[in-house]
PDB file of all heavy atoms in Angstrom:
ATOM      1  N   ILE A   1       0.862  -1.183   0.000  1.00  0.00           N
ATOM      2  CA  ILE A   1       0.000   0.000   0.000  1.00  0.00           C
ATOM      3  C   ILE A   1       0.898   1.231   0.000  1.00  0.00           C
ATOM      4  O   ILE A   1       1.713   1.411   0.900  1.00  0.00           O
ATOM      5  CB  ILE A   1      -0.922   0.019   1.232  1.00  0.00           C
ATOM      6  CG1 ILE A   1      -1.783  -1.249   1.276  1.00  0.00           C
ATOM      7  CG2 ILE A   1      -1.809   1.271   1.215  1.00  0.00           C
ATOM      8  CD1 ILE A   1      -2.598  -1.385   2.544  1.00  0.00           C
ATOM      9  N   LYS A   2       0.765   2.079  -0.994  1.00  0.00           N
ATOM     10  CA  LYS A   2       1.656   3.213  -1.146  1.00  0.00           C
ATOM     11  C   LYS A   2       1.118   4.444  -0.415  1.00  0.00           C
ATOM     12  O   LYS A   2      -0.085   4.595  -0.215  1.00  0.00           O
ATOM     13  CB  LYS A   2       1.882   3.517  -2.631  1.00  0.00           C
ATOM     14  CG  LYS A   2       2.387   2.308  -3.421  1.00  0.00           C
ATOM     15  CD  LYS A   2       3.598   1.654  -2.768  1.00  0.00           C
ATOM     16  CE  LYS A   2       4.007   0.379  -3.470  1.00  0.00           C
ATOM     17  NZ  LYS A   2       5.101  -0.329  -2.771  1.00  0.00           N
ATOM     18  N   ILE A   3       2.045   5.320  -0.043  1.00  0.00           N
ATOM     19  CA  ILE A   3       1.717   6.476   0.803  1.00  0.00           C
ATOM     20  C   ILE A   3       2.085   7.782   0.113  1.00  0.00           C
ATOM     21  O   ILE A   3       3.168   7.918  -0.473  1.00  0.00           O
ATOM     22  CB  ILE A   3       2.490   6.400   2.146  1.00  0.00           C
ATOM     23  CG1 ILE A   3       2.166   5.114   2.910  1.00  0.00           C
ATOM     24  CG2 ILE A   3       2.202   7.639   2.999  1.00  0.00           C
ATOM     25  CD1 ILE A   3       0.774   5.044   3.448  1.00  0.00           C
ATOM     26  N   ILE A   4       1.179   8.746   0.187  1.00  0.00           N
ATOM     27  CA  ILE A   4       1.498  10.146  -0.094  1.00  0.00           C
ATOM     28  C   ILE A   4       1.218  10.910   1.191  1.00  0.00           C
ATOM     29  O   ILE A   4       0.073  10.968   1.645  1.00  0.00           O
ATOM     30  CB  ILE A   4       0.661  10.717  -1.253  1.00  0.00           C
ATOM     31  CG1 ILE A   4       1.044  10.042  -2.578  1.00  0.00           C
ATOM     32  CG2 ILE A   4       0.868  12.231  -1.370  1.00  0.00           C
ATOM     33  CD1 ILE A   4       0.217  10.490  -3.775  1.00  0.00           C
ATOM     34  N   PHE A   5       2.264  11.445   1.815  1.00  0.00           N
ATOM     35  CA  PHE A   5       2.086  12.172   3.073  1.00  0.00           C
ATOM     36  C   PHE A   5       1.513  13.565   2.809  1.00  0.00           C
ATOM     37  O   PHE A   5       1.868  14.225   1.826  1.00  0.00           O
ATOM     38  CB  PHE A   5       3.410  12.301   3.818  1.00  0.00           C
ATOM     39  CG  PHE A   5       3.838  11.052   4.527  1.00  0.00           C
ATOM     40  CD1 PHE A   5       4.973  10.355   4.139  1.00  0.00           C
ATOM     41  CD2 PHE A   5       3.095  10.561   5.596  1.00  0.00           C
ATOM     42  CE1 PHE A   5       5.361   9.203   4.791  1.00  0.00           C
ATOM     43  CE2 PHE A   5       3.466   9.416   6.255  1.00  0.00           C
ATOM     44  CZ  PHE A   5       4.606   8.731   5.852  1.00  0.00           C
ATOM     45  N   THR A   6       0.608  13.992   3.697  1.00  0.00           N
ATOM     46  CA  THR A   6       0.041  15.341   3.624  1.00  0.00           C
ATOM     47  C   THR A   6       0.194  15.970   5.004  1.00  0.00           C
ATOM     48  O   THR A   6      -0.229  15.385   5.998  1.00  0.00           O
ATOM     49  CB  THR A   6      -1.446  15.297   3.241  1.00  0.00           C
ATOM     50  OG1 THR A   6      -2.178  14.569   4.238  1.00  0.00           O
ATOM     51  CG2 THR A   6      -1.637  14.607   1.896  1.00  0.00           C
ATOM     52  N   THR A   7       0.786  17.154   5.072  1.00  0.00           N
ATOM     53  CA  THR A   7       1.043  17.759   6.375  1.00  0.00           C
ATOM     54  C   THR A   7       1.256  19.258   6.253  1.00  0.00           C
ATOM     55  O   THR A   7       1.575  19.761   5.168  1.00  0.00           O
ATOM     56  CB  THR A   7       2.282  17.116   7.034  1.00  0.00           C
ATOM     57  OG1 THR A   7       2.502  17.694   8.324  1.00  0.00           O
ATOM     58  CG2 THR A   7       3.527  17.332   6.191  1.00  0.00           C
ATOM     59  N   ALA A   8       1.095  19.950   7.359  1.00  0.00           N
ATOM     60  CA  ALA A   8       1.352  21.387   7.403  1.00  0.00           C
ATOM     61  C   ALA A   8       2.779  21.682   7.850  1.00  0.00           C
ATOM     62  O   ALA A   8       3.183  22.840   7.930  1.00  0.00           O
ATOM     63  CB  ALA A   8       0.366  22.065   8.355  1.00  0.00           C
ATOM     64  N   TYR A   9       3.562  20.642   8.126  1.00  0.00           N
ATOM     65  CA  TYR A   9       4.901  20.810   8.703  1.00  0.00           C
ATOM     66  C   TYR A   9       5.973  20.230   7.795  1.00  0.00           C
ATOM     67  O   TYR A   9       5.885  19.082   7.357  1.00  0.00           O
ATOM     68  CB  TYR A   9       4.975  20.142  10.076  1.00  0.00           C
ATOM     69  CG  TYR A   9       3.909  20.618  11.028  1.00  0.00           C
ATOM     70  CD1 TYR A   9       2.711  19.907  11.161  1.00  0.00           C
ATOM     71  CD2 TYR A   9       4.074  21.769  11.773  1.00  0.00           C
ATOM     72  CE1 TYR A   9       1.718  20.339  12.034  1.00  0.00           C
ATOM     73  CE2 TYR A   9       3.083  22.211  12.642  1.00  0.00           C
ATOM     74  CZ  TYR A   9       1.904  21.491  12.755  1.00  0.00           C
ATOM     75  OH  TYR A   9       0.923  21.927  13.616  1.00  0.00           O
ATOM     76  N   ARG A  10       7.023  21.006   7.550  1.00  0.00           N
ATOM     77  CA  ARG A  10       8.127  20.542   6.723  1.00  0.00           C
ATOM     78  C   ARG A  10       9.058  19.595   7.482  1.00  0.00           C
ATOM     79  O   ARG A  10       9.821  18.846   6.885  1.00  0.00           O
ATOM     80  CB  ARG A  10       8.961  21.737   6.225  1.00  0.00           C
ATOM     81  CG  ARG A  10       8.221  22.649   5.267  1.00  0.00           C
ATOM     82  CD  ARG A  10       9.097  23.805   4.829  1.00  0.00           C
ATOM     83  NE  ARG A  10       8.387  24.690   3.918  1.00  0.00           N
ATOM     84  CZ  ARG A  10       8.307  24.519   2.607  1.00  0.00           C
ATOM     85  NH1 ARG A  10       8.905  23.478   2.046  1.00  0.00           N
ATOM     86  NH2 ARG A  10       7.646  25.363   1.849  1.00  0.00           N
ATOM     87  N   ASP A  11       8.994  19.622   8.811  1.00  0.00           N
ATOM     88  CA  ASP A  11       9.968  18.905   9.632  1.00  0.00           C
ATOM     89  C   ASP A  11       9.984  17.405   9.383  1.00  0.00           C
ATOM     90  O   ASP A  11      10.970  16.730   9.662  1.00  0.00           O
ATOM     91  CB  ASP A  11       9.682  19.138  11.120  1.00  0.00           C
ATOM     92  CG  ASP A  11       9.706  20.611  11.473  1.00  0.00           C
ATOM     93  OD1 ASP A  11      10.140  21.410  10.629  1.00  0.00           O
ATOM     94  OD2 ASP A  11       9.308  20.958  12.604  1.00  0.00           O
ATOM     95  N   TYR A  12       8.868  16.852   8.886  1.00  0.00           N
ATOM     96  CA  TYR A  12       8.761  15.404   8.738  1.00  0.00           C
ATOM     97  C   TYR A  12       9.188  14.907   7.359  1.00  0.00           C
ATOM     98  O   TYR A  12       9.122  13.703   7.092  1.00  0.00           O
ATOM     99  CB  TYR A  12       7.315  14.959   8.970  1.00  0.00           C
ATOM    100  CG  TYR A  12       6.773  15.271  10.341  1.00  0.00           C
ATOM    101  CD1 TYR A  12       5.883  16.323  10.533  1.00  0.00           C
ATOM    102  CD2 TYR A  12       7.139  14.506  11.442  1.00  0.00           C
ATOM    103  CE1 TYR A  12       5.370  16.597  11.790  1.00  0.00           C
ATOM    104  CE2 TYR A  12       6.633  14.774  12.705  1.00  0.00           C
ATOM    105  CZ  TYR A  12       5.747  15.832  12.861  1.00  0.00           C
ATOM    106  OH  TYR A  12       5.244  16.094  14.101  1.00  0.00           O
ATOM    107  N   ALA A  13       9.634  15.800   6.487  1.00  0.00           N
ATOM    108  CA  ALA A  13       9.887  15.417   5.099  1.00  0.00           C
ATOM    109  C   ALA A  13      10.930  14.307   4.972  1.00  0.00           C
ATOM    110  O   ALA A  13      10.736  13.340   4.230  1.00  0.00           O
ATOM    111  CB  ALA A  13      10.330  16.637   4.296  1.00  0.00           C
ATOM    112  N   VAL A  14      12.030  14.428   5.698  1.00  0.00           N
ATOM    113  CA  VAL A  14      13.102  13.433   5.585  1.00  0.00           C
ATOM    114  C   VAL A  14      12.607  12.063   6.019  1.00  0.00           C
ATOM    115  O   VAL A  14      12.803  11.055   5.326  1.00  0.00           O
ATOM    116  CB  VAL A  14      14.324  13.849   6.429  1.00  0.00           C
ATOM    117  CG1 VAL A  14      15.351  12.721   6.431  1.00  0.00           C
ATOM    118  CG2 VAL A  14      14.939  15.121   5.862  1.00  0.00           C
ATOM    119  N   GLU A  15      11.934  12.012   7.180  1.00  0.00           N
ATOM    120  CA  GLU A  15      11.429  10.735   7.672  1.00  0.00           C
ATOM    121  C   GLU A  15      10.391  10.151   6.722  1.00  0.00           C
ATOM    122  O   GLU A  15      10.323   8.941   6.516  1.00  0.00           O
ATOM    123  CB  GLU A  15      10.835  10.895   9.068  1.00  0.00           C
ATOM    124  CG  GLU A  15      10.537   9.575   9.749  1.00  0.00           C
ATOM    125  CD  GLU A  15      10.200   9.736  11.221  1.00  0.00           C
ATOM    126  OE1 GLU A  15      10.102  10.893  11.688  1.00  0.00           O
ATOM    127  OE2 GLU A  15      10.033   8.708  11.891  1.00  0.00           O
ATOM    128  N   GLY A  16       9.581  11.028   6.127  1.00  0.00           N
ATOM    129  CA  GLY A  16       8.569  10.568   5.179  1.00  0.00           C
ATOM    130  C   GLY A  16       9.188   9.887   3.977  1.00  0.00           C
ATOM    131  O   GLY A  16       8.754   8.812   3.557  1.00  0.00           O
ATOM    132  N   PHE A  17      10.235  10.470   3.429  1.00  0.00           N
ATOM    133  CA  PHE A  17      10.859   9.874   2.252  1.00  0.00           C
ATOM    134  C   PHE A  17      11.690   8.645   2.614  1.00  0.00           C
ATOM    135  O   PHE A  17      11.878   7.752   1.791  1.00  0.00           O
ATOM    136  CB  PHE A  17      11.715  10.906   1.522  1.00  0.00           C
ATOM    137  CG  PHE A  17      10.904  11.858   0.691  1.00  0.00           C
ATOM    138  CD1 PHE A  17      10.877  13.205   0.965  1.00  0.00           C
ATOM    139  CD2 PHE A  17      10.148  11.392  -0.372  1.00  0.00           C
ATOM    140  CE1 PHE A  17      10.122  14.075   0.201  1.00  0.00           C
ATOM    141  CE2 PHE A  17       9.383  12.252  -1.147  1.00  0.00           C
ATOM    142  CZ  PHE A  17       9.367  13.605  -0.858  1.00  0.00           C
ATOM    143  N   GLU A  18      12.190   8.576   3.851  1.00  0.00           N
ATOM    144  CA  GLU A  18      12.882   7.365   4.298  1.00  0.00           C
ATOM    145  C   GLU A  18      11.935   6.163   4.298  1.00  0.00           C
ATOM    146  O   GLU A  18      12.370   5.022   4.174  1.00  0.00           O
ATOM    147  CB  GLU A  18      13.459   7.574   5.704  1.00  0.00           C
ATOM    148  CG  GLU A  18      14.702   8.457   5.718  1.00  0.00           C
ATOM    149  CD  GLU A  18      15.230   8.693   7.114  1.00  0.00           C
ATOM    150  OE1 GLU A  18      14.535   8.344   8.085  1.00  0.00           O
ATOM    151  OE2 GLU A  18      16.337   9.232   7.233  1.00  0.00           O
ATOM    152  N   LEU A  19      10.638   6.422   4.436  1.00  0.00           N
ATOM    153  CA  LEU A  19       9.635   5.359   4.384  1.00  0.00           C
ATOM    154  C   LEU A  19       9.208   5.058   2.951  1.00  0.00           C
ATOM    155  O   LEU A  19       8.252   4.337   2.720  1.00  0.00           O
ATOM    156  CB  LEU A  19       8.407   5.756   5.218  1.00  0.00           C
ATOM    157  CG  LEU A  19       8.621   5.756   6.730  1.00  0.00           C
ATOM    158  CD1 LEU A  19       7.453   6.414   7.447  1.00  0.00           C
ATOM    159  CD2 LEU A  19       8.807   4.338   7.232  1.00  0.00           C
ATOM    160  N   GLN A  20       9.939   5.626   1.993  1.00  0.00           N
ATOM    161  CA  GLN A  20       9.699   5.403   0.570  1.00  0.00           C
ATOM    162  C   GLN A  20       8.303   5.859   0.151  1.00  0.00           C
ATOM    163  O   GLN A  20       7.625   5.199  -0.643  1.00  0.00           O
ATOM    164  CB  GLN A  20       9.925   3.928   0.210  1.00  0.00           C
ATOM    165  CG  GLN A  20      11.355   3.475   0.472  1.00  0.00           C
ATOM    166  CD  GLN A  20      11.610   2.043   0.051  1.00  0.00           C
ATOM    167  OE1 GLN A  20      10.734   1.200   0.156  1.00  0.00           O
ATOM    168  NE2 GLN A  20      12.799   1.763  -0.443  1.00  0.00           N
ATOM    169  N   ALA A  21       7.899   6.991   0.691  1.00  0.00           N
ATOM    170  CA  ALA A  21       6.628   7.579   0.287  1.00  0.00           C
ATOM    171  C   ALA A  21       6.701   8.008  -1.178  1.00  0.00           C
ATOM    172  O   ALA A  21       7.762   8.386  -1.679  1.00  0.00           O
ATOM    173  CB  ALA A  21       6.299   8.779   1.163  1.00  0.00           C
ATOM    174  N   VAL A  22       5.565   7.947  -1.861  1.00  0.00           N
ATOM    175  CA  VAL A  22       5.497   8.378  -3.248  1.00  0.00           C
ATOM    176  C   VAL A  22       5.762   9.873  -3.353  1.00  0.00           C
ATOM    177  O   VAL A  22       6.468  10.347  -4.247  1.00  0.00           O
ATOM    178  CB  VAL A  22       4.113   8.055  -3.848  1.00  0.00           C
ATOM    179  CG1 VAL A  22       3.982   8.617  -5.259  1.00  0.00           C
ATOM    180  CG2 VAL A  22       3.875   6.556  -3.852  1.00  0.00           C
ATOM    181  N   ASP A  23       5.217  10.630  -2.387  1.00  0.00           N
ATOM    182  CA  ASP A  23       5.390  12.089  -2.404  1.00  0.00           C
ATOM    183  C   ASP A  23       5.080  12.641  -1.021  1.00  0.00           C
ATOM    184  O   ASP A  23       4.595  11.917  -0.139  1.00  0.00           O
ATOM    185  CB  ASP A  23       4.475  12.731  -3.450  1.00  0.00           C
ATOM    186  CG  ASP A  23       5.081  13.984  -4.075  1.00  0.00           C
ATOM    187  OD1 ASP A  23       5.882  14.660  -3.377  1.00  0.00           O
ATOM    188  OD2 ASP A  23       4.773  14.281  -5.234  1.00  0.00           O
ATOM    189  N   TYR A  24       5.353  13.926  -0.854  1.00  0.00           N
ATOM    190  CA  TYR A  24       5.187  14.603   0.424  1.00  0.00           C
ATOM    191  C   TYR A  24       4.570  15.961   0.119  1.00  0.00           C
ATOM    192  O   TYR A  24       5.228  16.839  -0.460  1.00  0.00           O
ATOM    193  CB  TYR A  24       6.565  14.753   1.082  1.00  0.00           C
ATOM    194  CG  TYR A  24       6.580  15.360   2.452  1.00  0.00           C
ATOM    195  CD1 TYR A  24       6.618  14.557   3.591  1.00  0.00           C
ATOM    196  CD2 TYR A  24       6.595  16.738   2.624  1.00  0.00           C
ATOM    197  CE1 TYR A  24       6.660  15.111   4.857  1.00  0.00           C
ATOM    198  CE2 TYR A  24       6.625  17.309   3.878  1.00  0.00           C
ATOM    199  CZ  TYR A  24       6.666  16.491   4.983  1.00  0.00           C
ATOM    200  OH  TYR A  24       6.710  17.043   6.244  1.00  0.00           O
ATOM    201  N   LEU A  25       3.285  16.128   0.465  1.00  0.00           N
ATOM    202  CA  LEU A  25       2.556  17.345   0.111  1.00  0.00           C
ATOM    203  C   LEU A  25       2.375  18.248   1.314  1.00  0.00           C
ATOM    204  O   LEU A  25       1.938  17.801   2.376  1.00  0.00           O
ATOM    205  CB  LEU A  25       1.181  16.983  -0.466  1.00  0.00           C
ATOM    206  CG  LEU A  25       1.169  16.039  -1.667  1.00  0.00           C
ATOM    207  CD1 LEU A  25      -0.260  15.799  -2.121  1.00  0.00           C
ATOM    208  CD2 LEU A  25       2.025  16.568  -2.800  1.00  0.00           C
ATOM    209  N   LEU A  26       2.704  19.523   1.135  1.00  0.00           N
ATOM    210  CA  LEU A  26       2.522  20.506   2.198  1.00  0.00           C
ATOM    211  C   LEU A  26       1.172  21.208   2.041  1.00  0.00           C
ATOM    212  O   LEU A  26       0.801  21.628   0.948  1.00  0.00           O
ATOM    213  CB  LEU A  26       3.646  21.550   2.169  1.00  0.00           C
ATOM    214  CG  LEU A  26       5.000  21.115   2.728  1.00  0.00           C
ATOM    215  CD1 LEU A  26       6.033  22.197   2.474  1.00  0.00           C
ATOM    216  CD2 LEU A  26       4.892  20.841   4.227  1.00  0.00           C
ATOM    217  N   LYS A  27       0.441  21.315   3.135  1.00  0.00           N
ATOM    218  CA  LYS A  27      -0.833  22.027   3.135  1.00  0.00           C
ATOM    219  C   LYS A  27      -0.583  23.536   3.128  1.00  0.00           C
ATOM    220  O   LYS A  27       0.393  23.997   3.725  1.00  0.00           O
ATOM    221  CB  LYS A  27      -1.660  21.641   4.364  1.00  0.00           C
ATOM    222  CG  LYS A  27      -1.999  20.152   4.445  1.00  0.00           C
ATOM    223  CD  LYS A  27      -2.705  19.846   5.754  1.00  0.00           C
ATOM    224  CE  LYS A  27      -3.032  18.358   5.877  1.00  0.00           C
ATOM    225  NZ  LYS A  27      -3.682  18.038   7.162  1.00  0.00           N
ATOM    226  N   PRO A  28      -1.491  24.309   2.528  1.00  0.00           N
ATOM    227  CA  PRO A  28      -2.676  23.877   1.755  1.00  0.00           C
ATOM    228  C   PRO A  28      -2.248  23.264   0.420  1.00  0.00           C
ATOM    229  O   PRO A  28      -1.322  23.743  -0.218  1.00  0.00           O
ATOM    230  CB  PRO A  28      -3.457  25.165   1.567  1.00  0.00           C
ATOM    231  CG  PRO A  28      -2.416  26.247   1.609  1.00  0.00           C
ATOM    232  CD  PRO A  28      -1.388  25.777   2.596  1.00  0.00           C
ATOM    233  N   ILE A  29      -2.952  22.209   0.027  1.00  0.00           N
ATOM    234  CA  ILE A  29      -2.562  21.430  -1.143  1.00  0.00           C
ATOM    235  C   ILE A  29      -3.349  21.899  -2.364  1.00  0.00           C
ATOM    236  O   ILE A  29      -4.583  21.837  -2.377  1.00  0.00           O
ATOM    237  CB  ILE A  29      -2.814  19.927  -0.906  1.00  0.00           C
ATOM    238  CG1 ILE A  29      -2.007  19.451   0.313  1.00  0.00           C
ATOM    239  CG2 ILE A  29      -2.445  19.112  -2.140  1.00  0.00           C
ATOM    240  CD1 ILE A  29      -2.404  18.070   0.790  1.00  0.00           C
ATOM    241  N   SER A  30      -2.648  22.345  -3.379  1.00  0.00           N
ATOM    242  CA  SER A  30      -3.309  22.767  -4.613  1.00  0.00           C
ATOM    243  C   SER A  30      -3.622  21.552  -5.486  1.00  0.00           C
ATOM    244  O   SER A  30      -3.005  20.483  -5.341  1.00  0.00           O
ATOM    245  CB  SER A  30      -2.408  23.726  -5.396  1.00  0.00           C
ATOM    246  OG  SER A  30      -1.276  23.034  -5.889  1.00  0.00           O
ATOM    247  N   PHE A  31      -4.559  21.716  -6.392  1.00  0.00           N
ATOM    248  CA  PHE A  31      -4.903  20.625  -7.301  1.00  0.00           C
ATOM    249  C   PHE A  31      -3.699  20.242  -8.162  1.00  0.00           C
ATOM    250  O   PHE A  31      -3.425  19.059  -8.369  1.00  0.00           O
ATOM    251  CB  PHE A  31      -6.067  21.033  -8.212  1.00  0.00           C
ATOM    252  CG  PHE A  31      -6.342  20.027  -9.296  1.00  0.00           C
ATOM    253  CD1 PHE A  31      -6.951  18.811  -9.010  1.00  0.00           C
ATOM    254  CD2 PHE A  31      -5.955  20.283 -10.614  1.00  0.00           C
ATOM    255  CE1 PHE A  31      -7.186  17.865 -10.016  1.00  0.00           C
ATOM    256  CE2 PHE A  31      -6.194  19.347 -11.619  1.00  0.00           C
ATOM    257  CZ  PHE A  31      -6.808  18.140 -11.311  1.00  0.00           C
ATOM    258  N   GLU A  32      -2.964  21.238  -8.637  1.00  0.00           N
ATOM    259  CA  GLU A  32      -1.831  20.977  -9.511  1.00  0.00           C
ATOM    260  C   GLU A  32      -0.767  20.139  -8.806  1.00  0.00           C
ATOM    261  O   GLU A  32      -0.204  19.205  -9.385  1.00  0.00           O
ATOM    262  CB  GLU A  32      -1.219  22.301  -9.996  1.00  0.00           C
ATOM    263  CG  GLU A  32      -2.077  23.074 -10.971  1.00  0.00           C
ATOM    264  CD  GLU A  32      -3.255  23.772 -10.306  1.00  0.00           C
ATOM    265  OE1 GLU A  32      -3.249  23.915  -9.052  1.00  0.00           O
ATOM    266  OE2 GLU A  32      -4.192  24.161 -11.030  1.00  0.00           O
ATOM    267  N   ARG A  33      -0.521  20.453  -7.529  1.00  0.00           N
ATOM    268  CA  ARG A  33       0.507  19.721  -6.786  1.00  0.00           C
ATOM    269  C   ARG A  33       0.054  18.294  -6.488  1.00  0.00           C
ATOM    270  O   ARG A  33       0.846  17.348  -6.567  1.00  0.00           O
ATOM    271  CB  ARG A  33       0.831  20.458  -5.468  1.00  0.00           C
ATOM    272  CG  ARG A  33       1.960  19.805  -4.679  1.00  0.00           C
ATOM    273  CD  ARG A  33       3.262  19.867  -5.430  1.00  0.00           C
ATOM    274  NE  ARG A  33       4.318  19.159  -4.705  1.00  0.00           N
ATOM    275  CZ  ARG A  33       4.591  17.861  -4.838  1.00  0.00           C
ATOM    276  NH1 ARG A  33       3.872  17.129  -5.681  1.00  0.00           N
ATOM    277  NH2 ARG A  33       5.556  17.299  -4.151  1.00  0.00           N
ATOM    278  N   LEU A  34      -1.233  18.118  -6.142  1.00  0.00           N
ATOM    279  CA  LEU A  34      -1.740  16.776  -5.884  1.00  0.00           C
ATOM    280  C   LEU A  34      -1.749  15.957  -7.172  1.00  0.00           C
ATOM    281  O   LEU A  34      -1.417  14.760  -7.144  1.00  0.00           O
ATOM    282  CB  LEU A  34      -3.137  16.851  -5.284  1.00  0.00           C
ATOM    283  CG  LEU A  34      -3.731  15.496  -4.875  1.00  0.00           C
ATOM    284  CD1 LEU A  34      -4.450  15.599  -3.523  1.00  0.00           C
ATOM    285  CD2 LEU A  34      -4.714  14.980  -5.921  1.00  0.00           C
ATOM    286  N   LEU A  35      -2.099  16.564  -8.284  1.00  0.00           N
ATOM    287  CA  LEU A  35      -2.101  15.862  -9.574  1.00  0.00           C
ATOM    288  C   LEU A  35      -0.696  15.364  -9.907  1.00  0.00           C
ATOM    289  O   LEU A  35      -0.523  14.233 -10.385  1.00  0.00           O
ATOM    290  CB  LEU A  35      -2.607  16.785 -10.679  1.00  0.00           C
ATOM    291  CG  LEU A  35      -2.600  16.207 -12.102  1.00  0.00           C
ATOM    292  CD1 LEU A  35      -3.508  14.983 -12.194  1.00  0.00           C
ATOM    293  CD2 LEU A  35      -3.031  17.269 -13.106  1.00  0.00           C
ATOM    294  N   LYS A  36       0.310  16.175  -9.628  1.00  0.00           N
ATOM    295  CA  LYS A  36       1.693  15.760  -9.869  1.00  0.00           C
ATOM    296  C   LYS A  36       2.037  14.534  -9.022  1.00  0.00           C
ATOM    297  O   LYS A  36       2.691  13.599  -9.505  1.00  0.00           O
ATOM    298  CB  LYS A  36       2.650  16.907  -9.548  1.00  0.00           C
ATOM    299  CG  LYS A  36       4.112  16.559  -9.771  1.00  0.00           C
ATOM    300  CD  LYS A  36       5.020  17.728  -9.430  1.00  0.00           C
ATOM    301  CE  LYS A  36       6.491  17.341  -9.624  1.00  0.00           C
ATOM    302  NZ  LYS A  36       7.400  18.471  -9.257  1.00  0.00           N
ATOM    303  N   ALA A  37       1.592  14.527  -7.756  1.00  0.00           N
ATOM    304  CA  ALA A  37       1.865  13.400  -6.864  1.00  0.00           C
ATOM    305  C   ALA A  37       1.199  12.122  -7.381  1.00  0.00           C
ATOM    306  O   ALA A  37       1.796  11.037  -7.368  1.00  0.00           O
ATOM    307  CB  ALA A  37       1.379  13.722  -5.449  1.00  0.00           C
ATOM    308  N   VAL A  38      -0.052  12.245  -7.832  1.00  0.00           N
ATOM    309  CA  VAL A  38      -0.768  11.079  -8.364  1.00  0.00           C
ATOM    310  C   VAL A  38      -0.094  10.571  -9.630  1.00  0.00           C
ATOM    311  O   VAL A  38       0.037   9.355  -9.844  1.00  0.00           O
ATOM    312  CB  VAL A  38      -2.249  11.420  -8.621  1.00  0.00           C
ATOM    313  CG1 VAL A  38      -2.947  10.270  -9.353  1.00  0.00           C
ATOM    314  CG2 VAL A  38      -2.966  11.713  -7.308  1.00  0.00           C
ATOM    315  N   ASN A  39       0.364  11.492 -10.483  1.00  0.00           N
ATOM    316  CA  ASN A  39       1.082  11.082 -11.689  1.00  0.00           C
ATOM    317  C   ASN A  39       2.379  10.359 -11.341  1.00  0.00           C
ATOM    318  O   ASN A  39       2.772   9.401 -12.023  1.00  0.00           O
ATOM    319  CB  ASN A  39       1.371  12.288 -12.578  1.00  0.00           C
ATOM    320  CG  ASN A  39       0.185  12.695 -13.439  1.00  0.00           C
ATOM    321  OD1 ASN A  39      -0.597  11.847 -13.848  1.00  0.00           O
ATOM    322  ND2 ASN A  39       0.044  13.984 -13.696  1.00  0.00           N
ATOM    323  N   ASN A  40       3.047  10.804 -10.256  1.00  0.00           N
ATOM    324  CA  ASN A  40       4.254  10.108  -9.793  1.00  0.00           C
ATOM    325  C   ASN A  40       3.915   8.667  -9.417  1.00  0.00           C
ATOM    326  O   ASN A  40       4.661   7.742  -9.722  1.00  0.00           O
ATOM    327  CB  ASN A  40       4.847  10.821  -8.575  1.00  0.00           C
ATOM    328  CG  ASN A  40       5.520  12.127  -8.933  1.00  0.00           C
ATOM    329  OD1 ASN A  40       5.843  12.360 -10.099  1.00  0.00           O
ATOM    330  ND2 ASN A  40       5.727  12.975  -7.944  1.00  0.00           N
ATOM    331  N   TYR A  41       2.786   8.509  -8.752  1.00  0.00           N
ATOM    332  CA  TYR A  41       2.347   7.164  -8.356  1.00  0.00           C
ATOM    333  C   TYR A  41       2.127   6.292  -9.591  1.00  0.00           C
ATOM    334  O   TYR A  41       2.602   5.151  -9.658  1.00  0.00           O
ATOM    335  CB  TYR A  41       1.061   7.251  -7.534  1.00  0.00           C
ATOM    336  CG  TYR A  41       0.409   5.894  -7.328  1.00  0.00           C
ATOM    337  CD1 TYR A  41       0.805   5.059  -6.289  1.00  0.00           C
ATOM    338  CD2 TYR A  41      -0.583   5.439  -8.211  1.00  0.00           C
ATOM    339  CE1 TYR A  41       0.233   3.805  -6.126  1.00  0.00           C
ATOM    340  CE2 TYR A  41      -1.160   4.194  -8.044  1.00  0.00           C
ATOM    341  CZ  TYR A  41      -0.747   3.386  -7.006  1.00  0.00           C
ATOM    342  OH  TYR A  41      -1.309   2.133  -6.853  1.00  0.00           O
ATOM    343  N   PHE A  42       1.381   6.809 -10.572  1.00  0.00           N
ATOM    344  CA  PHE A  42       1.102   6.024 -11.767  1.00  0.00           C
ATOM    345  C   PHE A  42       2.381   5.692 -12.541  1.00  0.00           C
ATOM    346  O   PHE A  42       2.513   4.599 -13.093  1.00  0.00           O
ATOM    347  CB  PHE A  42       0.119   6.767 -12.677  1.00  0.00           C
ATOM    348  CG  PHE A  42      -1.312   6.594 -12.301  1.00  0.00           C
ATOM    349  CD1 PHE A  42      -2.104   7.686 -11.975  1.00  0.00           C
ATOM    350  CD2 PHE A  42      -1.882   5.333 -12.273  1.00  0.00           C
ATOM    351  CE1 PHE A  42      -3.435   7.523 -11.627  1.00  0.00           C
ATOM    352  CE2 PHE A  42      -3.217   5.155 -11.930  1.00  0.00           C
ATOM    353  CZ  PHE A  42      -3.990   6.256 -11.605  1.00  0.00           C
ATOM    354  N   ASP A  43       3.321   6.643 -12.581  1.00  0.00           N
ATOM    355  CA  ASP A  43       4.576   6.402 -13.292  1.00  0.00           C
ATOM    356  C   ASP A  43       5.343   5.228 -12.690  1.00  0.00           C
ATOM    357  O   ASP A  43       5.975   4.434 -13.398  1.00  0.00           O
ATOM    358  CB  ASP A  43       5.458   7.652 -13.253  1.00  0.00           C
ATOM    359  CG  ASP A  43       4.919   8.759 -14.142  1.00  0.00           C
ATOM    360  OD1 ASP A  43       4.074   8.462 -15.014  1.00  0.00           O
ATOM    361  OD2 ASP A  43       5.332   9.923 -13.951  1.00  0.00           O
TER     362      ASP A  43
END
């Protein structure tokens, strides 16, 4: 099960990617940024 992290805090970015997350989105999340994350997943 793949993960895209969503958070208001930048502090967790390193730990998030260490867990091999597909992407790491900072709130507020725009449609364009979320679409890019989903495209990363499909790729």
